[in-house]
Protein backbone atom coordinates (compact mmCIF):
# COMPACT_ATOMS: atom_id res chain seq x y z
CA MET A 1 63.23 137.31 29.65
CA THR A 2 59.84 137.94 31.26
CA LYS A 3 56.49 138.29 29.49
CA GLY A 4 54.16 141.15 30.35
CA ILE A 5 51.44 143.45 29.11
CA ASP A 6 50.55 147.12 29.24
CA CYS A 7 47.02 148.44 28.92
CA ALA A 8 44.86 151.50 29.46
CA THR A 9 41.93 149.46 30.75
CA PRO A 10 41.87 149.06 34.55
CA LEU A 11 42.18 145.41 35.55
CA THR A 12 39.85 143.56 37.88
CA THR A 13 40.43 140.49 39.99
CA SER A 14 38.95 138.45 37.15
CA THR A 15 40.89 139.97 34.25
CA ALA A 16 44.17 140.13 36.17
CA GLY A 17 43.79 136.46 37.02
CA ALA A 18 43.02 135.57 33.40
CA ILE A 19 46.08 137.48 32.16
CA ALA A 20 48.32 135.77 34.71
CA LYS A 21 46.98 132.37 33.69
CA GLU A 22 48.16 133.07 30.13
CA GLY A 23 51.71 133.27 31.46
CA TYR A 24 52.19 137.02 31.84
CA LYS A 25 54.26 138.10 34.82
CA PHE A 26 53.78 141.87 34.88
CA ALA A 27 51.27 144.53 33.92
CA ALA A 28 52.19 148.13 33.11
CA ARG A 29 49.54 150.59 34.25
CA TYR A 30 49.09 154.35 34.48
CA LEU A 31 49.93 156.71 37.32
CA VAL A 32 47.80 159.72 36.34
CA PRO A 33 45.56 162.27 38.10
CA ASP A 34 41.95 161.52 38.90
CA SER A 35 40.83 163.47 35.83
CA TYR A 36 42.16 160.52 33.82
CA SER A 37 40.20 158.00 35.89
CA TRP A 38 39.38 155.89 32.82
CA LYS A 39 42.97 154.62 32.78
CA ARG A 40 44.20 155.40 36.31
CA LEU A 41 45.76 152.69 38.48
CA THR A 42 44.01 152.50 41.86
CA PRO A 43 45.08 150.79 45.11
CA SER A 44 42.42 148.10 44.69
CA GLU A 45 43.59 147.33 41.16
CA ALA A 46 47.22 147.19 42.31
CA GLN A 47 46.15 144.65 44.92
CA ALA A 48 44.28 142.61 42.29
CA ILE A 49 47.37 142.53 40.04
CA THR A 50 49.59 141.46 42.94
CA ASN A 51 47.10 138.83 44.10
CA ALA A 52 47.15 137.36 40.59
CA GLY A 53 50.91 136.86 40.95
CA MET A 54 52.02 139.68 38.65
CA GLN A 55 54.30 142.65 39.20
CA ILE A 56 53.32 146.24 38.37
CA VAL A 57 55.18 148.65 36.07
CA SER A 58 54.21 152.29 36.62
CA VAL A 59 53.98 154.65 33.65
CA TYR A 60 52.94 158.30 33.60
CA GLU A 61 51.28 159.78 30.51
CA THR A 62 48.63 162.44 30.10
CA SER A 63 49.27 163.30 26.44
CA ALA A 64 51.52 161.80 23.78
CA ASN A 65 53.91 164.71 23.30
CA ARG A 66 53.83 166.12 26.82
CA PRO A 67 57.63 165.71 27.30
CA ALA A 68 58.16 168.27 24.52
CA GLY A 69 57.03 170.77 27.18
CA GLY A 70 60.45 170.58 28.78
CA SER A 71 61.40 171.30 32.37
CA SER A 72 58.19 172.97 33.56
CA ALA A 73 56.06 170.09 32.28
CA GLY A 74 58.44 167.58 33.84
CA GLN A 75 58.30 169.31 37.20
CA GLN A 76 54.49 169.24 37.18
CA ASP A 77 54.25 165.64 35.98
CA GLY A 78 56.90 164.40 38.39
CA ALA A 79 55.03 165.93 41.32
CA SER A 80 51.78 164.38 40.09
CA ALA A 81 53.44 160.99 39.63
CA ARG A 82 54.91 161.15 43.14
CA LYS A 83 51.47 161.84 44.63
CA GLU A 84 49.97 158.87 42.77
CA ALA A 85 52.86 156.56 43.74
CA GLN A 86 52.48 157.50 47.39
CA THR A 87 48.71 156.91 47.25
CA LEU A 88 49.40 153.45 45.82
CA LYS A 89 52.18 152.83 48.38
CA GLN A 90 54.47 151.98 45.47
CA SER A 91 57.71 150.44 46.71
CA THR A 92 60.68 152.78 46.91
CA GLY A 93 63.52 151.71 44.64
CA SER A 94 61.08 150.92 41.85
CA ALA A 95 60.60 152.96 38.68
CA ILE A 96 58.15 155.42 37.20
CA TYR A 97 58.37 155.59 33.41
CA PHE A 98 57.43 158.83 31.65
CA ALA A 99 56.02 158.27 28.17
CA VAL A 100 57.33 159.90 25.00
CA ASP A 101 54.48 158.44 22.98
CA TYR A 102 55.15 159.98 19.58
CA ASP A 103 57.77 160.02 16.85
CA ALA A 104 60.10 162.44 18.61
CA GLN A 105 62.69 164.11 16.41
CA PRO A 106 66.21 165.38 17.21
CA GLN A 107 64.93 168.93 17.67
CA ASP A 108 62.80 167.60 20.56
CA TYR A 109 65.61 165.86 22.43
CA ASP A 110 66.78 168.82 24.54
CA GLU A 111 63.24 169.42 25.82
CA ILE A 112 62.70 165.71 26.50
CA GLU A 113 65.96 165.54 28.45
CA GLN A 114 64.94 168.57 30.53
CA TYR A 115 61.49 167.06 31.09
CA LEU A 116 62.90 163.77 32.36
CA LYS A 117 65.47 165.35 34.63
CA ALA A 118 62.88 167.70 36.11
CA ALA A 119 60.47 164.80 36.64
CA ALA A 120 63.22 162.71 38.25
CA ALA A 121 63.90 165.50 40.74
CA GLN A 122 60.28 165.32 41.90
CA ILE A 123 60.23 161.58 42.66
CA PRO A 124 62.85 160.97 45.37
CA GLY A 125 63.06 157.31 46.26
CA TYR A 126 61.97 156.21 42.79
CA ASP A 127 63.92 155.83 39.55
CA ALA A 128 62.76 157.83 36.55
CA GLY A 129 62.43 155.92 33.30
CA VAL A 130 61.47 156.79 29.75
CA TYR A 131 59.13 155.03 27.33
CA GLY A 132 59.80 155.81 23.69
CA SER A 133 61.29 154.86 20.36
CA TYR A 134 64.73 153.39 19.73
CA ALA A 135 66.13 156.86 19.04
CA VAL A 136 64.63 158.32 22.22
CA VAL A 137 65.97 155.47 24.37
CA GLU A 138 69.44 155.70 22.82
CA GLU A 139 69.60 159.48 23.13
CA MET A 140 68.28 159.66 26.68
CA TYR A 141 70.68 156.90 27.75
CA LYS A 142 73.57 158.84 26.20
CA ARG A 143 72.48 161.99 28.02
CA SER A 144 71.96 160.17 31.36
CA ALA A 145 68.49 161.71 31.45
CA CYS A 146 67.01 158.80 33.46
CA LYS A 147 67.84 155.35 34.85
CA ARG A 148 65.34 152.95 33.22
CA PHE A 149 64.42 152.45 29.58
CA TRP A 150 61.29 151.07 27.95
CA GLN A 151 61.45 150.89 24.18
CA THR A 152 58.50 150.53 21.85
CA TYR A 153 58.86 149.00 18.42
CA ALA A 154 56.86 151.96 17.07
CA TRP A 155 58.92 154.56 15.21
CA SER A 156 62.01 152.37 15.75
CA GLY A 157 62.62 151.12 12.20
CA GLY A 158 63.23 147.56 13.37
CA LYS A 159 66.07 148.61 15.69
CA LYS A 160 66.27 147.42 19.27
CA SER A 161 68.29 149.17 21.97
CA ALA A 162 70.72 147.19 24.10
CA HIS A 163 69.79 149.55 26.95
CA ALA A 164 66.11 148.58 27.04
CA ASN A 165 64.88 147.11 30.33
CA LEU A 166 61.48 146.64 28.72
CA TYR A 167 60.53 146.20 25.07
CA GLN A 168 57.01 146.65 23.72
CA TYR A 169 56.79 144.54 20.58
CA LYS A 170 53.09 144.27 19.66
CA ASN A 171 49.99 146.44 20.08
CA GLY A 172 46.29 145.76 20.17
CA VAL A 173 46.17 142.15 21.35
CA THR A 174 43.32 140.74 23.44
CA VAL A 175 44.69 139.10 26.58
CA GLY A 176 42.37 137.81 29.28
CA GLY A 177 39.51 139.71 27.70
CA VAL A 178 41.42 143.02 27.77
CA GLN A 179 42.90 144.99 24.87
CA ALA A 180 46.60 145.18 25.62
CA ASP A 181 50.11 145.55 24.23
CA LEU A 182 52.76 142.86 24.63
CA ASN A 183 56.14 143.41 26.25
CA ASP A 184 59.29 141.59 27.24
CA GLY A 185 61.31 142.39 30.34
CA TYR A 186 65.09 142.03 30.28
CA GLY A 187 65.99 142.71 33.92
CA ASN A 188 66.09 145.76 36.19
CA GLU A 189 62.60 146.70 35.00
CA GLY A 190 61.77 148.61 38.16
CA TRP A 191 58.49 146.85 38.77
CA TRP A 192 56.81 146.52 42.16
CA SER A 193 53.96 144.84 43.99
CA THR A 194 51.78 145.57 47.00
CA GLN A 195 53.86 143.05 48.94
CA THR A 196 57.05 144.11 50.67
CA GLY A 197 60.11 144.38 48.43
CA GLY A 198 58.34 144.67 45.09
CA GLY A 199 60.71 147.27 43.69
CA GLY A 200 63.89 146.67 45.62
CA ASP A 201 64.86 143.23 44.43
CA GLU A 202 67.02 144.35 41.52
CA MET A 203 70.78 144.32 41.90
CA SER A 204 72.43 147.69 42.38
CA GLN A 205 75.11 148.75 39.92
CA GLU A 206 77.54 149.16 42.81
CA ASP A 207 77.06 145.54 43.91
CA ALA A 208 77.25 144.37 40.30
CA THR A 209 80.61 146.10 39.84
CA LYS A 210 82.00 144.38 42.94
CA ILE A 211 80.81 140.94 41.79
CA ILE A 212 82.22 141.49 38.31
CA ARG A 213 85.64 142.24 39.83
CA PHE A 214 85.62 138.82 41.53
CA LEU A 215 84.54 137.17 38.28
CA SER A 216 87.31 138.98 36.41
CA ALA A 217 89.85 137.60 38.87
CA GLY A 218 88.52 134.12 38.14
CA TRP A 219 88.76 134.76 34.40
CA TYR A 220 92.46 135.63 34.69
CA VAL A 221 93.34 132.39 36.49
CA ALA A 222 91.11 130.17 34.33
CA THR A 223 93.14 127.86 32.09
CA THR A 224 90.58 126.80 29.48
CA LYS A 225 88.50 128.74 26.97
CA THR A 226 85.36 127.05 28.29
CA ASP A 227 85.99 128.36 31.79
CA LYS A 228 86.85 131.85 30.52
CA ASP A 229 83.66 131.92 28.44
CA GLU A 230 81.64 130.91 31.49
CA PHE A 231 83.14 133.75 33.56
CA ASN A 232 82.23 136.15 30.73
CA ARG A 233 78.69 134.80 30.60
CA LEU A 234 78.18 135.13 34.34
CA ALA A 235 79.57 138.68 34.32
CA ASN A 236 77.10 139.65 31.59
CA GLU A 237 74.23 138.11 33.58
CA VAL A 238 75.24 140.29 36.53
CA ARG A 239 75.41 143.34 34.25
CA LYS A 240 71.95 142.54 32.90
CA ALA A 241 70.50 142.22 36.42
CA ALA A 242 71.86 145.66 37.29
CA GLY A 243 70.80 147.33 34.04
CA LEU A 244 74.35 147.64 32.71
CA PRO A 245 75.26 147.00 29.06
CA PRO A 246 76.91 143.65 28.22
CA GLU A 247 80.57 143.47 27.22
């Protein structure tokens, strides 16, 4: 598990360094058009975050319920997110999360699914992710609407999805002099840095499946429960690294 923050306030060399010194390993920041400059991630800020030793998680949000706009909104936002990612030289293979920042209800799910799939089509080379409640994460996972999942505790009724790569568990905390929210990372987060390989270090699901087959063969020939349990544990660690559910 990895500690991180998300915030709307742009970070400086000083604040990024202070946050890193408190033990945080990643910062989630906004890919948005210039008209949202008050919260927009810039190349210089991305460099400051990387220089502080943290990874970057990219999130796109212009308004809380924007994904309820469906496919047309997703197409526009995906194209905008791609432009921002390219300006930042965000590593291919990393993720862009699209925020469902409200208490979405079942009648919204079809539109949210269409939004995410349309956005994903506009960001080749990047994985689309969703930020939202437990119900949104569970439903979008079931619908294969995107590849990465960031759950907030808000509107979640104390439930926590097993599919979450990131989990936001507390809002409104001052960290390094900045108002921020606290998050945990559970693997395959899709983060990146301005250094080579920021987003491509996660294990692919194809490689994970191959490794698990070898571990399964070891499980079958193991003669003690301790050894079998260890093979199971290692297989679940591989699944976690590739964003697959444990078994």
